[in-house]
N, C-alpha and C. Protein backbone atom coordinates (compact mmCIF):
# COMPACT_ATOMS: atom_id res chain seq x y z
N UNK A 1 5.57 -9.62 0.45
CA UNK A 1 5.61 -8.28 2.40
C UNK A 1 4.28 -8.67 2.42
N UNK A 2 3.88 -8.86 3.68
CA UNK A 2 2.63 -9.09 4.56
C UNK A 2 2.87 -7.38 5.23
N UNK A 3 1.51 -6.76 5.92
CA UNK A 3 1.43 -5.72 6.61
C UNK A 3 1.49 -5.79 8.11
N UNK A 4 2.38 -5.34 8.64
CA UNK A 4 2.87 -5.62 10.68
C UNK A 4 1.74 -5.46 11.02
N UNK A 5 1.40 -5.98 11.74
CA UNK A 5 -0.14 -5.04 13.03
C UNK A 5 1.55 -5.77 14.19
N UNK A 6 0.93 -4.75 15.03
CA UNK A 6 1.37 -5.12 16.25
C UNK A 6 0.44 -5.93 17.49
N UNK A 7 0.74 -6.95 17.37
CA UNK A 7 -0.28 -7.65 18.44
C UNK A 7 -0.39 -7.50 19.78
N UNK A 8 -1.36 -6.83 20.41
CA UNK A 8 -1.14 -6.76 22.06
C UNK A 8 -2.19 -8.00 22.72
N UNK A 9 -1.48 -8.96 22.22
CA UNK A 9 -1.83 -10.46 22.88
C UNK A 9 -1.33 -11.29 22.62
N UNK A 10 -0.97 -12.32 23.56
CA UNK A 10 -0.66 -13.81 23.98
C UNK A 10 -1.13 -15.04 23.57
N UNK A 11 -2.07 -14.54 22.86
CA UNK A 11 -2.79 -16.00 21.84
C UNK A 11 -2.62 -16.44 21.06
N UNK A 12 -2.19 -17.35 20.79
CA UNK A 12 -1.62 -18.60 19.55
C UNK A 12 -2.85 -18.31 18.60
N UNK A 13 -3.82 -18.34 18.85
CA UNK A 13 -4.98 -18.53 18.13
C UNK A 13 -5.47 -16.88 17.27
N UNK A 14 -4.80 -16.16 18.01
CA UNK A 14 -5.26 -14.68 17.33
C UNK A 14 -4.20 -14.51 15.93
N UNK A 15 -2.72 -14.93 17.10
CA UNK A 15 -1.87 -14.75 15.98
C UNK A 15 -1.89 -15.40 14.65
N UNK A 16 -2.65 -16.22 15.05
CA UNK A 16 -2.51 -17.79 13.44
C UNK A 16 -3.79 -17.06 12.58
N UNK A 17 -5.07 -16.74 13.37
CA UNK A 17 -5.66 -16.06 12.48
C UNK A 17 -5.34 -14.79 11.66
N UNK A 18 -4.30 -13.63 12.32
CA UNK A 18 -3.88 -13.02 11.24
C UNK A 18 -2.58 -12.99 10.68
N UNK A 19 -2.35 -14.17 10.57
CA UNK A 19 -1.15 -14.49 9.16
C UNK A 19 -1.63 -14.75 8.63
N UNK A 20 -2.78 -16.07 8.93
CA UNK A 20 -3.73 -16.61 7.83
C UNK A 20 -4.46 -15.82 6.80
N UNK A 21 -5.26 -14.31 6.61
CA UNK A 21 -5.34 -13.19 6.63
C UNK A 21 -4.04 -12.77 5.44
N UNK A 22 -3.13 -12.74 6.50
CA UNK A 22 -1.83 -11.82 5.02
C UNK A 22 -1.41 -10.36 6.14
N UNK A 23 -1.61 -10.56 7.23
CA UNK A 23 -1.54 -9.94 8.13
C UNK A 23 0.13 -10.96 8.91
N UNK A 24 0.79 -9.91 9.37
CA UNK A 24 2.12 -10.45 10.26
C UNK A 24 2.25 -9.36 11.60
N UNK A 25 1.36 -10.99 12.69
CA UNK A 25 1.90 -10.08 14.03
C UNK A 25 3.52 -10.04 14.37
N UNK A 26 3.30 -9.15 15.18
CA UNK A 26 4.42 -9.22 15.75
C UNK A 26 3.87 -8.86 17.29
N UNK A 27 4.32 -9.72 18.11
CA UNK A 27 3.58 -10.26 19.45
C UNK A 27 3.88 -9.25 20.63
N UNK A 28 3.43 -8.62 21.39
CA UNK A 28 3.75 -7.72 22.41
C UNK A 28 3.23 -7.71 23.58
N UNK A 29 3.16 -8.32 24.44
CA UNK A 29 2.00 -8.58 25.33
C UNK A 29 1.78 -7.81 26.44
N UNK A 30 0.56 -7.13 26.60
CA UNK A 30 0.28 -6.08 27.20
C UNK A 30 -0.29 -6.61 29.11
N UNK A 31 0.31 -6.48 30.19
CA UNK A 31 -0.24 -7.00 31.80
C UNK A 31 -1.07 -5.96 32.34
N UNK A 32 -2.21 -6.41 31.88
CA UNK A 32 -3.34 -5.77 32.47
C UNK A 32 -4.35 -6.49 33.77
N UNK A 33 -5.25 -5.90 34.60
CA UNK A 33 -5.78 -6.24 35.22
C UNK A 33 -7.15 -6.57 34.64
N UNK A 34 -7.46 -7.96 34.46
CA UNK A 34 -8.56 -8.25 33.93
C UNK A 34 -9.91 -8.73 34.14
N UNK A 35 -10.23 -8.16 35.90
CA UNK A 35 -10.79 -8.47 36.84
C UNK A 35 -12.41 -7.52 35.60
N UNK A 36 -13.77 -8.04 35.95
CA UNK A 36 -14.74 -7.59 35.83
C UNK A 36 -15.19 -6.84 36.96
N UNK A 37 -15.80 -5.79 36.31
CA UNK A 37 -16.13 -4.56 36.93
C UNK A 37 -17.73 -4.79 37.93
N UNK A 38 -17.65 -4.02 39.14
CA UNK A 38 -19.33 -4.61 39.53
C UNK A 38 -20.31 -3.93 38.23
N UNK A 39 -21.19 -4.77 38.14
CA UNK A 39 -22.27 -4.64 37.49
C UNK A 39 -22.04 -4.17 35.66
N UNK A 40 -20.63 -4.91 35.08
CA UNK A 40 -20.26 -4.66 33.62
C UNK A 40 -20.66 -5.69 33.24
N UNK A 41 -21.77 -5.20 31.87
CA UNK A 41 -22.21 -6.41 31.01
C UNK A 41 -20.64 -6.99 30.22
N UNK A 42 -21.11 -8.01 29.64
CA UNK A 42 -19.75 -8.16 28.61
C UNK A 42 -18.84 -8.42 27.88
N UNK A 43 -20.16 -6.89 27.39
CA UNK A 43 -19.39 -6.65 26.14
C UNK A 43 -18.90 -5.24 26.13
N UNK A 44 -19.35 -4.65 27.64
CA UNK A 44 -18.74 -3.52 28.12
C UNK A 44 -17.07 -4.09 27.99
N UNK A 45 -16.95 -4.94 29.01
CA UNK A 45 -15.67 -5.74 29.71
C UNK A 45 -14.62 -6.00 28.70
N UNK A 46 -14.68 -6.75 27.62
CA UNK A 46 -13.80 -7.02 26.58
C UNK A 46 -13.33 -5.75 25.82
N UNK A 47 -14.37 -4.74 25.41
CA UNK A 47 -13.75 -3.25 25.14
C UNK A 47 -12.82 -2.79 25.70
N UNK A 48 -13.52 -2.97 26.68
CA UNK A 48 -12.54 -2.36 28.19
C UNK A 48 -11.48 -2.71 27.91
N UNK A 49 -10.87 -3.70 27.93
CA UNK A 49 -9.65 -4.46 28.56
C UNK A 49 -9.07 -4.41 26.97
N UNK A 50 -9.70 -4.67 25.91
CA UNK A 50 -8.81 -4.36 24.36
C UNK A 50 -8.65 -3.27 24.46
N UNK A 51 -9.10 -1.75 24.81
CA UNK A 51 -8.44 -1.07 24.62
C UNK A 51 -7.24 -0.63 26.09
N UNK A 52 -7.82 -1.29 27.00
CA UNK A 52 -6.13 -1.10 28.08
C UNK A 52 -4.72 -1.69 27.38
N UNK A 53 -5.33 -3.25 26.68
CA UNK A 53 -3.86 -3.94 26.27
C UNK A 53 -3.41 -3.11 24.96
N UNK A 54 -4.10 -2.80 24.20
CA UNK A 54 -3.52 -1.59 23.19
C UNK A 54 -2.64 -0.55 23.26
N UNK A 55 -3.55 0.17 24.24
CA UNK A 55 -3.12 1.23 24.58
C UNK A 55 -1.89 0.88 25.36
N UNK A 56 -1.82 -0.15 26.27
CA UNK A 56 0.01 0.03 27.13
C UNK A 56 0.94 -0.62 26.08
N UNK A 57 0.34 -1.47 25.01
CA UNK A 57 1.63 -1.95 24.18
C UNK A 57 2.03 -0.38 23.10
N UNK A 58 1.15 0.53 22.59
CA UNK A 58 1.30 1.36 21.50
C UNK A 58 1.90 2.37 22.02
N UNK A 59 1.47 2.96 23.44
CA UNK A 59 2.80 3.31 24.09
C UNK A 59 4.19 3.38 24.30
N UNK A 60 3.61 1.88 24.64
CA UNK A 60 5.39 1.46 24.98
C UNK A 60 6.13 1.41 23.53
N UNK A 61 5.66 1.36 22.37
CA UNK A 61 6.25 1.68 21.04
C UNK A 61 6.57 2.79 20.29
N UNK A 62 5.41 3.62 20.68
CA UNK A 62 5.84 5.22 21.41
C UNK A 62 7.23 5.74 21.27
N UNK A 63 7.46 5.48 22.81
CA UNK A 63 8.46 5.35 23.70
C UNK A 63 9.78 4.86 22.96
N UNK A 64 9.64 4.37 22.29
CA UNK A 64 10.81 3.29 21.40
C UNK A 64 11.34 4.05 20.71
N UNK A 65 9.98 4.27 20.01
CA UNK A 65 10.80 5.21 18.46
C UNK A 65 11.62 6.06 18.63
N UNK A 66 11.18 7.47 19.28
CA UNK A 66 12.81 8.32 19.38
C UNK A 66 13.97 7.81 20.00
N UNK A 67 14.18 7.31 20.81
CA UNK A 67 15.31 6.15 21.73
C UNK A 67 15.79 5.44 19.63
N UNK A 68 15.28 4.40 19.02
CA UNK A 68 15.71 4.00 18.00
C UNK A 68 15.71 5.16 17.58
N UNK A 69 15.57 6.37 16.63
CA UNK A 69 15.79 7.30 15.89
C UNK A 69 17.12 8.21 16.14
N UNK A 70 17.25 7.91 17.89
CA UNK A 70 18.32 8.77 18.14
C UNK A 70 19.66 8.15 17.65
N UNK A 71 19.56 7.07 18.31
CA UNK A 71 21.11 6.01 18.46
C UNK A 71 21.11 5.04 16.85
N UNK A 72 19.78 5.35 16.04
CA UNK A 72 20.23 4.25 14.82
C UNK A 72 20.45 3.19 14.56
N UNK A 73 20.63 2.97 16.26
CA UNK A 73 20.54 0.54 16.27
C UNK A 73 19.50 0.12 15.95
N UNK A 74 18.17 0.59 15.22
CA UNK A 74 16.85 0.02 15.19
C UNK A 74 16.38 0.44 13.75
N UNK A 75 16.10 -0.10 13.37
CA UNK A 75 15.31 0.06 11.92
C UNK A 75 13.99 0.56 12.46
N UNK A 76 13.41 2.27 12.22
CA UNK A 76 11.89 2.40 12.49
C UNK A 76 11.04 1.25 11.76
N UNK A 77 11.27 0.90 10.74
CA UNK A 77 10.40 0.26 9.96
C UNK A 77 10.16 -1.58 10.39
N UNK A 78 11.22 -1.47 11.55
CA UNK A 78 10.86 -2.85 12.34
C UNK A 78 9.71 -2.88 13.33
N UNK A 79 9.09 -1.41 13.49
CA UNK A 79 8.24 -1.24 14.76
C UNK A 79 6.97 -1.26 13.88
N UNK A 80 5.76 -1.91 13.96
CA UNK A 80 4.52 -1.49 13.17
C UNK A 80 3.76 -0.39 13.75
N UNK A 81 3.10 0.55 12.66
CA UNK A 81 2.64 1.64 13.33
C UNK A 81 0.97 1.48 12.98
N UNK A 82 1.07 0.36 13.37
CA UNK A 82 -0.84 -0.32 13.99
C UNK A 82 -1.10 -0.96 14.56
N UNK A 83 -1.13 -0.96 16.11
CA UNK A 83 -1.22 -1.94 16.95
C UNK A 83 -2.58 -2.40 16.78
N UNK A 84 -2.85 -3.51 17.73
CA UNK A 84 -4.48 -4.52 17.61
C UNK A 84 -4.05 -4.97 19.03
N UNK A 85 -5.19 -4.66 19.96
CA UNK A 85 -6.02 -5.41 21.13
C UNK A 85 -7.26 -6.10 20.79
N UNK A 86 -7.09 -7.51 21.57
CA UNK A 86 -8.34 -7.99 21.86
C UNK A 86 -8.33 -8.53 23.20
N UNK A 87 -9.99 -8.73 23.59
CA UNK A 87 -9.99 -9.97 24.12
C UNK A 87 -11.47 -10.65 23.96
N UNK A 88 -11.51 -12.02 24.14
CA UNK A 88 -12.88 -12.72 23.89
C UNK A 88 -13.57 -12.88 25.50
N UNK A 89 -14.86 -12.80 25.47
CA UNK A 89 -15.58 -13.55 26.48
C UNK A 89 -17.00 -13.76 25.99
N UNK A 90 -16.77 -15.01 26.73
CA UNK A 90 -18.37 -16.04 26.48
C UNK A 90 -19.60 -16.21 27.71
N UNK A 91 -20.50 -15.68 27.58
CA UNK A 91 -21.46 -15.94 28.11
C UNK A 91 -22.95 -16.26 27.73
N UNK A 92 -23.33 -16.90 28.45
CA UNK A 92 -25.22 -17.34 28.67
C UNK A 92 -26.13 -15.94 28.13
N UNK A 93 -27.08 -16.80 27.63
CA UNK A 93 -28.54 -16.10 27.16
C UNK A 93 -28.46 -15.11 28.16
N UNK A 94 -28.24 -15.51 29.88
CA UNK A 94 -28.77 -15.40 31.02
C UNK A 94 -28.02 -14.07 31.51
N UNK A 95 -26.27 -13.36 30.61
CA UNK A 95 -25.38 -12.40 31.10
C UNK A 95 -24.47 -13.14 31.68
N UNK A 96 -24.44 -14.62 32.53
CA UNK A 96 -23.65 -15.05 32.99
C UNK A 96 -22.12 -15.33 31.66
N UNK A 97 -20.89 -14.96 32.69
CA UNK A 97 -19.95 -14.82 31.72
C UNK A 97 -19.11 -16.18 32.58
N UNK A 98 -18.92 -16.84 31.50
CA UNK A 98 -18.16 -18.03 31.66
C UNK A 98 -16.51 -18.14 31.11
N UNK A 99 -15.93 -17.77 31.74
CA UNK A 99 -14.32 -17.36 31.89
C UNK A 99 -13.46 -18.63 31.70
N UNK A 100 -12.11 -19.40 31.73
CA UNK A 100 -11.37 -20.10 31.90
C UNK A 100 -11.59 -20.76 32.86
N UNK A 101 -11.63 -21.71 32.64
CA UNK A 101 -12.02 -22.74 33.43
C UNK A 101 -10.79 -23.21 34.80
N UNK A 102 -11.04 -23.29 35.84
CA UNK A 102 -9.94 -23.34 37.02
C UNK A 102 -9.13 -24.34 36.97
N UNK A 103 -9.94 -25.49 37.14
CA UNK A 103 -9.83 -27.11 37.10
C UNK A 103 -11.35 -27.63 36.70
N UNK A 104 -11.08 -28.96 37.00
CA UNK A 104 -11.59 -29.97 36.06
C UNK A 104 -13.09 -29.82 36.39
N UNK A 105 -13.39 -29.40 37.77
CA UNK A 105 -15.15 -29.43 37.94
C UNK A 105 -15.84 -28.02 37.57
N UNK A 106 -14.63 -26.95 37.38
CA UNK A 106 -14.71 -25.61 36.60
C UNK A 106 -15.46 -26.18 35.36
N UNK A 107 -14.57 -26.91 34.40
CA UNK A 107 -14.30 -27.04 33.28
C UNK A 107 -16.22 -27.73 32.86
N UNK A 108 -16.15 -28.94 33.56
CA UNK A 108 -17.38 -29.60 33.24
C UNK A 108 -18.74 -28.48 33.96
N UNK A 109 -18.93 -27.72 34.88
CA UNK A 109 -19.90 -26.84 34.91
C UNK A 109 -19.95 -26.19 33.91
N UNK A 110 -18.91 -25.42 32.80
CA UNK A 110 -19.52 -24.77 32.01
C UNK A 110 -20.54 -25.40 30.63
N UNK A 111 -19.72 -27.13 30.38
CA UNK A 111 -20.33 -27.79 29.67
C UNK A 111 -21.34 -27.85 29.68
N UNK A 112 -21.87 -28.21 30.76
CA UNK A 112 -23.69 -28.48 31.75
C UNK A 112 -23.65 -27.23 30.86
N UNK A 113 -23.57 -26.14 31.27
CA UNK A 113 -24.40 -24.84 30.77
C UNK A 113 -24.81 -24.39 29.32
N UNK A 114 -23.57 -24.92 28.76
CA UNK A 114 -23.60 -24.57 27.31
C UNK A 114 -24.66 -26.28 26.29
N UNK A 115 -24.41 -27.16 27.10
CA UNK A 115 -25.27 -27.88 26.24
C UNK A 115 -26.72 -28.38 26.16
N UNK A 116 -26.77 -28.13 25.00
CA UNK A 116 -28.36 -28.18 24.74
C UNK A 116 -28.71 -26.75 24.32
N UNK A 117 -27.72 -25.59 23.89
CA UNK A 117 -28.44 -24.52 24.58
C UNK A 117 -27.26 -22.99 23.21
N UNK A 118 -28.38 -22.45 23.00
CA UNK A 118 -27.20 -20.98 22.69
C UNK A 118 -26.34 -20.57 23.91
N UNK A 119 -25.28 -19.50 23.70
CA UNK A 119 -24.79 -19.07 24.33
C UNK A 119 -24.09 -17.68 23.27
N UNK A 120 -23.33 -16.77 23.86
CA UNK A 120 -22.84 -15.46 22.93
C UNK A 120 -20.96 -15.46 23.19
N UNK A 121 -20.48 -15.32 22.29
CA UNK A 121 -19.29 -15.13 22.34
C UNK A 121 -18.62 -13.97 21.54
N UNK A 122 -18.38 -12.77 22.12
CA UNK A 122 -18.05 -11.27 21.69
C UNK A 122 -16.78 -11.55 22.09
N UNK A 123 -16.13 -10.53 20.90
CA UNK A 123 -14.68 -10.08 21.30
C UNK A 123 -14.62 -8.80 21.18
N UNK A 124 -13.92 -8.07 22.21
CA UNK A 124 -13.56 -6.89 21.66
C UNK A 124 -12.10 -7.00 21.10
N UNK A 125 -12.40 -5.64 19.95
CA UNK A 125 -11.06 -5.14 19.47
C UNK A 125 -10.94 -3.68 19.87
N UNK A 126 -9.64 -3.08 19.19
CA UNK A 126 -9.42 -1.42 19.59
C UNK A 126 -7.73 -1.96 18.89
N UNK A 127 -7.85 -0.60 17.95
CA UNK A 127 -6.66 -0.67 17.45
C UNK A 127 -6.29 0.46 17.53
N UNK A 128 -4.95 1.12 17.76
CA UNK A 128 -3.96 2.69 17.96
C UNK A 128 -2.69 2.07 16.95
N UNK A 129 -2.55 3.84 16.93
CA UNK A 129 -0.95 4.10 16.06
C UNK A 129 0.05 3.81 16.94
N UNK A 130 1.10 3.43 16.57
CA UNK A 130 2.42 3.20 17.48
C UNK A 130 3.25 4.80 17.20
N UNK A 131 2.97 5.55 16.96
CA UNK A 131 3.93 7.22 16.34
C UNK A 131 3.77 7.86 17.95
N UNK A 132 2.26 8.09 18.42
CA UNK A 132 2.21 8.91 19.64
C UNK A 132 0.73 7.97 20.87
N UNK A 133 0.95 6.67 20.43
CA UNK A 133 0.62 5.77 21.23
C UNK A 133 -1.20 6.19 21.32
N UNK A 134 -1.74 6.69 19.63
CA UNK A 134 -3.00 6.82 19.94
C UNK A 134 -4.58 6.49 20.08
N UNK A 135 -5.19 6.28 20.07
CA UNK A 135 -6.53 5.45 20.12
C UNK A 135 -7.02 5.59 18.98
N UNK A 136 -7.30 4.87 17.69
CA UNK A 136 -7.94 5.59 16.33
C UNK A 136 -9.60 4.57 16.54
N UNK A 137 -9.74 3.42 17.19
CA UNK A 137 -10.47 3.12 17.40
C UNK A 137 -11.33 1.55 17.53
N UNK A 138 -12.33 1.32 18.59
CA UNK A 138 -12.70 0.08 19.07
C UNK A 138 -13.97 -0.41 18.85
N UNK A 139 -14.31 -1.61 18.86
CA UNK A 139 -15.65 -2.26 18.59
C UNK A 139 -15.67 -3.53 19.33
N UNK A 140 -16.83 -4.08 19.17
CA UNK A 140 -17.20 -5.49 19.32
C UNK A 140 -18.17 -6.32 18.59
N UNK A 141 -17.63 -7.58 18.22
CA UNK A 141 -18.50 -7.74 17.70
C UNK A 141 -18.83 -9.68 17.96
N UNK A 142 -20.14 -10.01 18.04
CA UNK A 142 -20.81 -10.98 18.76
C UNK A 142 -21.33 -11.98 17.55
N UNK A 143 -21.07 -13.36 17.99
CA UNK A 143 -21.36 -14.65 17.42
C UNK A 143 -22.18 -15.49 18.27
N UNK A 144 -23.28 -16.00 17.74
CA UNK A 144 -24.25 -16.67 18.57
C UNK A 144 -24.48 -18.16 18.04
N UNK A 145 -23.58 -18.86 19.01
CA UNK A 145 -23.48 -20.12 18.99
C UNK A 145 -24.37 -21.05 19.65
N UNK A 146 -24.34 -22.63 18.78
CA UNK A 146 -25.72 -22.89 19.21
C UNK A 146 -24.37 -24.72 19.84
N UNK A 147 -24.71 -24.96 21.45
CA UNK A 147 -24.36 -26.58 21.34
C UNK A 147 -25.49 -27.33 21.55
N UNK A 148 -25.44 -28.48 20.16
CA UNK A 148 -26.05 -29.99 20.35
C UNK A 148 -26.18 -30.26 21.91
N UNK A 149 -27.22 -31.04 22.40
CA UNK A 149 -27.07 -31.68 23.97
C UNK A 149 -25.77 -32.90 24.26
N UNK A 150 -25.30 -32.27 24.86
CA UNK A 150 -24.37 -33.62 25.30
C UNK A 150 -23.97 -34.35 26.31
N UNK A 151 -23.71 -35.71 26.03
CA UNK A 151 -24.12 -36.99 26.89
C UNK A 151 -22.80 -36.52 28.04
N UNK A 152 -23.53 -37.12 29.05
CA UNK A 152 -21.94 -36.83 30.46
C UNK A 152 -21.08 -37.27 29.47
N UNK A 153 -21.14 -38.56 28.97
CA UNK A 153 -19.63 -38.70 28.86
C UNK A 153 -19.23 -38.32 27.88
N UNK A 154 -19.58 -37.72 27.01
CA UNK A 154 -18.68 -36.41 26.27
C UNK A 154 -18.42 -35.52 27.16
N UNK A 155 -19.11 -35.29 27.90
CA UNK A 155 -18.78 -33.99 28.79
C UNK A 155 -17.48 -34.69 29.54
N UNK A 156 -17.56 -35.53 30.42
CA UNK A 156 -16.66 -35.75 31.43
C UNK A 156 -15.12 -36.51 30.51
N UNK A 157 -15.48 -37.15 29.45
CA UNK A 157 -13.76 -36.93 28.24
C UNK A 157 -12.99 -35.35 27.90
N UNK A 158 -14.42 -35.01 27.24
CA UNK A 158 -13.45 -33.16 27.15
C UNK A 158 -12.76 -32.51 28.19
N UNK A 159 -13.39 -32.90 29.06
CA UNK A 159 -13.07 -32.17 30.44
C UNK A 159 -11.61 -33.20 30.76
N UNK A 160 -11.54 -34.02 30.28
CA UNK A 160 -10.19 -34.61 30.54
C UNK A 160 -9.17 -34.24 29.51
N UNK A 161 -9.26 -33.58 28.42
CA UNK A 161 -8.30 -33.52 27.38
C UNK A 161 -8.04 -31.79 28.15
N UNK A 162 -6.93 -31.87 27.35
CA UNK A 162 -6.22 -30.49 27.69
C UNK A 162 -6.87 -29.09 27.39
N UNK A 163 -7.41 -29.35 26.31
CA UNK A 163 -8.42 -28.36 25.82
C UNK A 163 -9.10 -27.24 25.74
N UNK A 164 -9.81 -27.49 27.32
CA UNK A 164 -10.45 -26.43 27.38
C UNK A 164 -10.11 -25.52 28.55
N UNK A 165 -8.76 -25.85 29.22
CA UNK A 165 -8.19 -25.13 30.17
C UNK A 165 -7.30 -23.81 29.85
N UNK A 166 -7.61 -23.11 28.71
CA UNK A 166 -6.77 -21.68 28.43
C UNK A 166 -7.52 -21.19 27.29
N UNK A 167 -9.19 -21.01 27.29
CA UNK A 167 -10.03 -20.82 26.07
C UNK A 167 -10.97 -20.31 27.64
N UNK A 168 -11.40 -18.46 27.10
CA UNK A 168 -12.86 -18.56 27.68
C UNK A 168 -14.17 -19.16 27.23
N UNK A 169 -14.95 -19.08 28.38
CA UNK A 169 -15.86 -20.80 27.38
C UNK A 169 -15.43 -21.78 27.85
N UNK A 170 -14.29 -22.55 27.95
CA UNK A 170 -13.88 -23.56 28.13
C UNK A 170 -14.19 -24.61 27.47
N UNK A 171 -13.73 -23.84 25.58
CA UNK A 171 -14.30 -24.77 24.67
C UNK A 171 -13.42 -24.42 23.76
N UNK A 172 -12.94 -25.09 22.54
CA UNK A 172 -12.39 -24.96 21.45
C UNK A 172 -12.91 -24.87 20.44
N UNK A 173 -13.68 -23.73 19.13
CA UNK A 173 -14.50 -24.62 18.00
C UNK A 173 -13.46 -24.89 17.05
N UNK A 174 -12.48 -24.48 17.29
CA UNK A 174 -11.16 -25.16 16.04
C UNK A 174 -10.66 -26.51 16.67
N UNK A 175 -10.99 -26.76 17.47
CA UNK A 175 -10.49 -28.15 17.81
C UNK A 175 -11.74 -29.26 17.89
N UNK A 176 -11.19 -29.87 19.31
CA UNK A 176 -12.23 -30.82 19.69
C UNK A 176 -13.76 -30.39 19.85
N UNK A 177 -13.71 -29.57 20.07
CA UNK A 177 -15.44 -28.99 20.29
C UNK A 177 -16.16 -28.73 18.87
N UNK A 178 -15.09 -28.96 18.04
CA UNK A 178 -16.10 -29.06 16.92
C UNK A 178 -17.08 -29.43 16.20
N UNK A 179 -16.96 -31.20 17.27
CA UNK A 179 -18.08 -31.94 17.38
C UNK A 179 -19.11 -31.21 17.94
N UNK A 180 -19.24 -30.76 19.20
CA UNK A 180 -20.41 -30.10 19.79
C UNK A 180 -21.59 -28.92 19.12
N UNK A 181 -21.05 -28.26 18.14
CA UNK A 181 -21.41 -27.42 17.63
C UNK A 181 -22.29 -27.62 16.86
N UNK A 182 -23.54 -27.12 17.03
CA UNK A 182 -24.41 -27.21 15.61
C UNK A 182 -24.61 -26.51 14.90
N UNK A 183 -24.47 -25.25 15.27
CA UNK A 183 -24.93 -23.86 14.69
C UNK A 183 -24.46 -22.96 15.05
N UNK A 184 -24.67 -21.95 14.14
CA UNK A 184 -23.56 -20.78 14.59
C UNK A 184 -23.51 -19.81 13.66
N UNK A 185 -24.66 -18.45 14.11
CA UNK A 185 -24.91 -16.94 13.62
C UNK A 185 -23.67 -15.99 13.71
N UNK A 186 -22.63 -15.93 12.89
CA UNK A 186 -22.30 -14.58 12.95
C UNK A 186 -20.41 -15.52 12.48
N UNK A 187 -19.78 -14.19 13.22
CA UNK A 187 -18.36 -14.79 11.95
C UNK A 187 -17.78 -15.98 13.15
N UNK A 188 -17.31 -16.97 12.21
CA UNK A 188 -16.65 -17.58 12.83
C UNK A 188 -14.99 -18.07 13.85
N UNK A 189 -14.62 -17.03 12.79
CA UNK A 189 -12.87 -16.48 13.35
C UNK A 189 -12.83 -15.56 14.73
N UNK A 190 -14.18 -14.97 14.84
CA UNK A 190 -14.54 -14.17 16.32
C UNK A 190 -14.36 -15.38 17.39
N UNK A 191 -15.40 -16.52 17.30
CA UNK A 191 -15.50 -17.94 18.39
C UNK A 191 -13.87 -18.14 18.11
N UNK A 192 -13.33 -18.45 17.56
CA UNK A 192 -11.75 -18.72 17.23
C UNK A 192 -11.20 -17.64 18.65
N UNK A 193 -10.98 -15.98 18.18
CA UNK A 193 -10.45 -15.11 18.52
C UNK A 193 -10.46 -13.81 18.43
N UNK A 194 -10.97 -13.75 16.96
CA UNK A 194 -10.67 -12.74 16.76
C UNK A 194 -11.06 -12.12 15.10
N UNK A 195 -12.36 -11.49 15.27
CA UNK A 195 -13.36 -11.24 14.17
C UNK A 195 -12.45 -10.39 12.93
N UNK A 196 -11.38 -11.27 12.43
CA UNK A 196 -10.81 -10.92 10.90
C UNK A 196 -11.48 -9.64 10.25
N UNK A 197 -12.21 -10.31 9.59
CA UNK A 197 -13.17 -9.33 8.82
C UNK A 197 -13.34 -8.25 9.33
N UNK A 198 -13.95 -8.41 10.19
CA UNK A 198 -14.23 -6.96 10.82
C UNK A 198 -13.34 -5.92 10.83
N UNK A 199 -11.73 -6.73 11.46
CA UNK A 199 -10.76 -5.85 11.87
C UNK A 199 -10.35 -5.24 10.62
N UNK A 200 -10.25 -5.87 9.31
CA UNK A 200 -9.57 -5.29 8.39
C UNK A 200 -10.36 -4.15 7.61
N UNK A 201 -11.72 -4.63 8.15
CA UNK A 201 -12.72 -3.50 7.60
C UNK A 201 -12.07 -2.03 8.04
N UNK A 202 -12.09 -2.28 9.27
CA UNK A 202 -11.66 -1.32 10.42
C UNK A 202 -10.78 -0.26 9.55
N UNK A 203 -9.55 -1.14 9.57
CA UNK A 203 -8.01 -0.99 8.79
C UNK A 203 -8.16 -0.29 7.76
N UNK A 204 -9.00 -1.08 7.47
CA UNK A 204 -9.52 0.10 5.24
C UNK A 204 -9.91 1.15 5.83
N UNK A 205 -11.04 1.53 6.53
CA UNK A 205 -11.37 2.61 7.15
C UNK A 205 -11.04 3.52 7.06
N UNK A 206 -9.51 2.92 8.11
CA UNK A 206 -8.90 3.85 8.96
C UNK A 206 -7.82 4.56 7.94
N UNK A 207 -7.61 3.95 6.64
CA UNK A 207 -6.26 3.92 6.17
C UNK A 207 -5.51 3.40 6.41
N UNK A 208 -5.45 2.33 7.45
CA UNK A 208 -4.47 1.56 8.19
C UNK A 208 -3.46 1.23 6.93
N UNK A 209 -4.73 0.57 5.69
CA UNK A 209 -4.06 -0.59 4.79
C UNK A 209 -4.24 -0.10 3.26
N UNK A 210 -4.33 -0.17 2.22
CA UNK A 210 -4.61 0.29 1.31
C UNK A 210 -5.78 -0.82 0.58
N UNK A 211 -5.05 -2.13 0.53
CA UNK A 211 -6.31 -2.97 -0.01
C UNK A 211 -6.06 -4.60 0.74
N UNK A 212 -5.43 -5.18 -0.03
CA UNK A 212 -5.75 -6.63 0.70
C UNK A 212 -4.02 -7.21 1.63
N UNK A 213 -4.48 -7.33 2.53
CA UNK A 213 -2.71 -7.16 3.34
C UNK A 213 -2.24 -8.17 2.71
N UNK A 214 -1.89 -9.17 2.63
CA UNK A 214 -1.16 -10.22 1.39
C UNK A 214 0.22 -9.51 0.26
N UNK A 215 -1.30 -8.33 -0.12
CA UNK A 215 -0.39 -7.41 -1.32
C UNK A 215 0.32 -6.11 -0.59
N UNK A 216 0.73 -6.22 -0.11
CA UNK A 216 1.69 -5.33 0.70
C UNK A 216 1.55 -3.68 0.93
N UNK A 217 0.31 -3.73 0.82
CA UNK A 217 -0.25 -1.77 0.42
C UNK A 217 -0.27 -0.78 1.84
N UNK A 218 0.90 0.00 2.24
CA UNK A 218 1.29 0.99 2.82
C UNK A 218 0.25 1.75 2.60
N UNK A 219 -0.31 2.82 3.89
CA UNK A 219 -0.85 3.57 3.63
C UNK A 219 0.23 4.79 3.79
């Protein structure tokens, strides 16, 4: 038995990270405005978006519970009691946000900005309960990543693949771009999209799980 999590994210990478360490993610996507506010720091942005996502999904789950209980049509245990939202941003040391590339030229611009330099990857995470839709915690984790100097041919070749275009920062460390990274300071899972180590520690501290997730221990 796995510990079930209501995941407020459409990211297959977050779903896979949770499943790989023993959580059973039930995906429910939140439709929120992800535009950056004027003057907003990347760390503030990703936490705000994570909170918005998890609150929207937890509120919907809380509204479904009374209806399910009244009709008896749905087993309430099917609705996970813990919801998790996340948002990942990639930014340069100068604070320039690198979002998902909109086209090939944008992908090449980002690769040039990352080549031979350090950049930061920050994931904001928010945790809520689904009985009343109440926010329990929010935090962020930052990992420092260094790309070796990339040749023009490497940049052009990578931009011609499909990999950069659905990822913040325009690269996937768990994919082809693993060849570009020569140093990493912090959580690797965070760069993929979710710092599962810190998330599990927070869930333990909040009493949402009693031990390792694959043991099926519920609180």
